C-alpha atoms as a PDB file:
ATOM      1  CA  GLN A   1    -101.568 -62.614 -90.514  1.00  0.00           C
ATOM      2  CA  VAL A   2    -104.805 -60.569 -90.620  1.00  0.00           C
ATOM      3  CA  GLN A   3    -105.202 -57.896 -93.333  1.00  0.00           C
ATOM      4  CA  LEU A   4    -108.173 -55.547 -93.684  1.00  0.00           C
ATOM      5  CA  VAL A   5    -108.757 -53.913 -97.191  1.00  0.00           C
ATOM      6  CA  GLU A   6    -110.956 -51.115 -97.514  1.00  0.00           C
ATOM      7  CA  SER A   7    -112.189 -49.721-100.509  1.00  0.00           C
ATOM      8  CA  GLY A   8    -114.819 -47.138-101.775  1.00  0.00           C
ATOM      9  CA  GLY A   9    -113.568 -43.588-100.627  1.00  0.00           C
ATOM     10  CA  GLY A  10    -113.312 -40.965-102.970  1.00  0.00           C
ATOM     11  CA  LEU A  11    -114.325 -37.402-104.006  1.00  0.00           C
ATOM     12  CA  VAL A  12    -117.759 -36.522-103.593  1.00  0.00           C
ATOM     13  CA  GLN A  13    -120.017 -33.150-103.360  1.00  0.00           C
ATOM     14  CA  VAL A  14    -121.765 -32.012-100.454  1.00  0.00           C
ATOM     15  CA  GLY A  15    -124.994 -34.381-100.045  1.00  0.00           C
ATOM     16  CA  GLY A  16    -123.818 -36.689-101.970  1.00  0.00           C
ATOM     17  CA  SER A  17    -123.244 -40.338-100.963  1.00  0.00           C
ATOM     18  CA  LEU A  18    -120.431 -42.937-100.618  1.00  0.00           C
ATOM     19  CA  ARG A  19    -120.274 -46.648 -99.659  1.00  0.00           C
ATOM     20  CA  LEU A  20    -117.218 -47.634 -98.063  1.00  0.00           C
ATOM     21  CA  SER A  21    -116.357 -51.404 -97.762  1.00  0.00           C
ATOM     22  CA  CYS A  22    -113.603 -53.488 -95.447  1.00  0.00           C
ATOM     23  CA  SER A  23    -113.004 -57.009 -95.842  1.00  0.00           C
ATOM     24  CA  VAL A  24    -110.936 -58.959 -93.378  1.00  0.00           C
ATOM     25  CA  PHE A  25    -108.213 -61.629 -94.965  1.00  0.00           C
ATOM     26  CA  GLY A  26    -106.628 -63.838 -92.879  1.00  0.00           C
ATOM     27  CA  ASN A  27    -106.462 -66.101 -89.726  1.00  0.00           C
ATOM     28  CA  ILE A  28    -108.948 -64.307 -87.325  1.00  0.00           C
ATOM     29  CA  ILE A  29    -110.974 -66.866 -84.876  1.00  0.00           C
ATOM     30  CA  SER A  30    -113.859 -65.044 -84.547  1.00  0.00           C
ATOM     31  CA  ILE A  31    -114.828 -61.103 -85.164  1.00  0.00           C
ATOM     32  CA  GLU A  32    -116.791 -59.623 -82.226  1.00  0.00           C
ATOM     33  CA  GLU A  33    -116.619 -56.108 -83.347  1.00  0.00           C
ATOM     34  CA  MET A  34    -116.301 -54.006 -86.547  1.00  0.00           C
ATOM     35  CA  GLY A  35    -116.387 -50.563 -87.086  1.00  0.00           C
ATOM     36  CA  TRP A  36    -115.118 -47.526 -88.588  1.00  0.00           C
ATOM     37  CA  TYR A  37    -113.096 -44.562 -87.290  1.00  0.00           C
ATOM     38  CA  ARG A  38    -112.185 -41.148 -89.135  1.00  0.00           C
ATOM     39  CA  GLN A  39    -109.059 -38.873 -88.868  1.00  0.00           C
ATOM     40  CA  ALA A  40    -109.341 -35.547 -90.327  1.00  0.00           C
ATOM     41  CA  PRO A  41    -105.974 -33.570 -91.088  1.00  0.00           C
ATOM     42  CA  GLY A  42    -104.650 -32.106 -87.647  1.00  0.00           C
ATOM     43  CA  LYS A  43    -107.441 -33.901 -85.773  1.00  0.00           C
ATOM     44  CA  GLN A  44    -107.461 -37.025 -83.574  1.00  0.00           C
ATOM     45  CA  ARG A  45    -108.499 -40.359 -84.695  1.00  0.00           C
ATOM     46  CA  GLU A  46    -112.570 -40.551 -84.018  1.00  0.00           C
ATOM     47  CA  LEU A  47    -115.166 -43.486 -83.929  1.00  0.00           C
ATOM     48  CA  VAL A  48    -117.672 -43.234 -86.608  1.00  0.00           C
ATOM     49  CA  ALA A  49    -119.853 -46.318 -86.034  1.00  0.00           C
ATOM     50  CA  ASP A  50    -119.654 -49.850 -84.682  1.00  0.00           C
ATOM     51  CA  ILE A  51    -121.283 -52.698 -85.338  1.00  0.00           C
ATOM     52  CA  ASN A  52    -121.074 -55.957 -82.591  1.00  0.00           C
ATOM     53  CA  SER A  53    -121.704 -59.836 -83.570  1.00  0.00           C
ATOM     54  CA  SER A  54    -125.400 -59.649 -82.516  1.00  0.00           C
ATOM     55  CA  GLY A  55    -126.018 -56.706 -85.050  1.00  0.00           C
ATOM     56  CA  SER A  56    -126.398 -53.918 -82.373  1.00  0.00           C
ATOM     57  CA  THR A  57    -124.903 -50.749 -84.058  1.00  0.00           C
ATOM     58  CA  ASN A  58    -123.854 -47.483 -82.549  1.00  0.00           C
ATOM     59  CA  TYR A  59    -123.417 -44.289 -84.080  1.00  0.00           C
ATOM     60  CA  GLU A  60    -121.616 -41.158 -82.767  1.00  0.00           C
ATOM     61  CA  ASP A  61    -124.106 -38.197 -82.925  1.00  0.00           C
ATOM     62  CA  PHE A  62    -122.376 -36.533 -85.833  1.00  0.00           C
ATOM     63  CA  VAL A  63    -123.437 -39.060 -88.201  1.00  0.00           C
ATOM     64  CA  LYS A  64    -126.584 -40.437 -86.878  1.00  0.00           C
ATOM     65  CA  GLY A  65    -129.333 -40.303 -89.540  1.00  0.00           C
ATOM     66  CA  ARG A  66    -126.837 -40.156 -92.020  1.00  0.00           C
ATOM     67  CA  PHE A  67    -124.491 -42.940 -92.033  1.00  0.00           C
ATOM     68  CA  THR A  68    -125.683 -46.786 -91.716  1.00  0.00           C
ATOM     69  CA  ILE A  69    -122.802 -49.359 -90.823  1.00  0.00           C
ATOM     70  CA  SER A  70    -123.468 -53.016 -91.729  1.00  0.00           C
ATOM     71  CA  ARG A  71    -121.810 -56.442 -91.908  1.00  0.00           C
ATOM     72  CA  ASP A  72    -121.487 -59.479 -93.653  1.00  0.00           C
ATOM     73  CA  ASP A  73    -120.154 -62.332 -91.491  1.00  0.00           C
ATOM     74  CA  ALA A  74    -120.242 -64.723 -94.363  1.00  0.00           C
ATOM     75  CA  LYS A  75    -117.826 -62.396 -96.276  1.00  0.00           C
ATOM     76  CA  ASN A  76    -115.726 -61.234 -93.255  1.00  0.00           C
ATOM     77  CA  SER A  77    -116.850 -57.778 -94.102  1.00  0.00           C
ATOM     78  CA  VAL A  78    -118.351 -54.310 -92.802  1.00  0.00           C
ATOM     79  CA  TYR A  79    -119.813 -51.480 -94.923  1.00  0.00           C
ATOM     80  CA  LEU A  80    -120.504 -47.913 -94.127  1.00  0.00           C
ATOM     81  CA  GLN A  81    -123.168 -46.450 -96.257  1.00  0.00           C
ATOM     82  CA  MET A  82    -122.888 -42.706 -96.217  1.00  0.00           C
ATOM     83  CA  ASN A  83    -125.393 -40.027 -97.261  1.00  0.00           C
ATOM     84  CA  SER A  84    -125.949 -36.382 -96.979  1.00  0.00           C
ATOM     85  CA  LEU A  85    -122.288 -35.986 -96.717  1.00  0.00           C
ATOM     86  CA  LYS A  86    -120.964 -32.760 -95.411  1.00  0.00           C
ATOM     87  CA  LEU A  87    -117.767 -30.922 -95.676  1.00  0.00           C
ATOM     88  CA  GLU A  88    -116.782 -31.800 -92.025  1.00  0.00           C
ATOM     89  CA  ASP A  89    -116.804 -35.678 -93.070  1.00  0.00           C
ATOM     90  CA  THR A  90    -113.895 -35.160 -95.288  1.00  0.00           C
ATOM     91  CA  ALA A  91    -111.241 -37.396 -93.351  1.00  0.00           C
ATOM     92  CA  SER A  92    -109.509 -40.756 -94.023  1.00  0.00           C
ATOM     93  CA  TYR A  93    -111.918 -43.661 -93.191  1.00  0.00           C
ATOM     94  CA  TYR A  94    -110.229 -46.491 -91.145  1.00  0.00           C
ATOM     95  CA  CYS A  95    -112.069 -50.038 -90.821  1.00  0.00           C
ATOM     96  CA  THR A  96    -111.321 -51.935 -87.572  1.00  0.00           C
ATOM     97  CA  VAL A  97    -111.971 -55.082 -86.401  1.00  0.00           C
ATOM     98  CA  THR A  98    -111.726 -56.908 -82.578  1.00  0.00           C
ATOM     99  CA  SER A  99    -111.468 -60.513 -82.288  1.00  0.00           C
ATOM    100  CA  TYR A 100    -112.985 -62.783 -79.933  1.00  0.00           C
ATOM    101  CA  PHE A 101    -109.746 -62.695 -77.911  1.00  0.00           C
ATOM    102  CA  GLY A 102    -109.591 -58.626 -77.828  1.00  0.00           C
ATOM    103  CA  LYS A 103    -107.401 -57.855 -80.329  1.00  0.00           C
ATOM    104  CA  ARG A 104    -107.814 -55.258 -82.505  1.00  0.00           C
ATOM    105  CA  TYR A 105    -106.900 -54.725 -86.098  1.00  0.00           C
ATOM    106  CA  TRP A 106    -106.893 -51.713 -88.314  1.00  0.00           C
ATOM    107  CA  GLY A 107    -107.102 -51.079 -91.998  1.00  0.00           C
ATOM    108  CA  GLN A 108    -104.702 -48.505 -93.921  1.00  0.00           C
ATOM    109  CA  GLY A 109    -107.447 -46.058 -94.484  1.00  0.00           C
ATOM    110  CA  THR A 110    -109.735 -44.859 -97.437  1.00  0.00           C
ATOM    111  CA  PRO A 111    -109.664 -40.961 -98.112  1.00  0.00           C
ATOM    112  CA  VAL A 112    -112.970 -39.192 -98.340  1.00  0.00           C
ATOM    113  CA  THR A 113    -113.245 -35.800 -99.631  1.00  0.00           C
ATOM    114  CA  VAL A 114    -116.416 -33.722 -99.548  1.00  0.00           C
ATOM    115  CA  SER A 115    -116.071 -30.542-101.925  1.00  0.00           C
ATOM    116  CA  SER A 116    -118.754 -27.834-102.246  1.00  0.00           C
END
């Protein structure tokens, strides 16, 4: 069993910051890619950012320059530092990891609400 546990979501004002964390527990051979998706009410889930095992990162345009993804392989964890938050960043944020064998796992989601 593999379990992803997210934390760090909450309520923040426009322009504020939050740091999301996600830790992976269980028997997973090797984590290749780690990432964050988000889903706003009434919208489809969308990629926010991901990072591969070499440390290369990828960001969607709507978060470039504001969000930073990082990983700590010793802790089987991935983080998302979110700065300059906007109203449109309000969503549930989901952590995801992909194993060496291509199997993807998802967290349960952590809500982020940005208020004016």
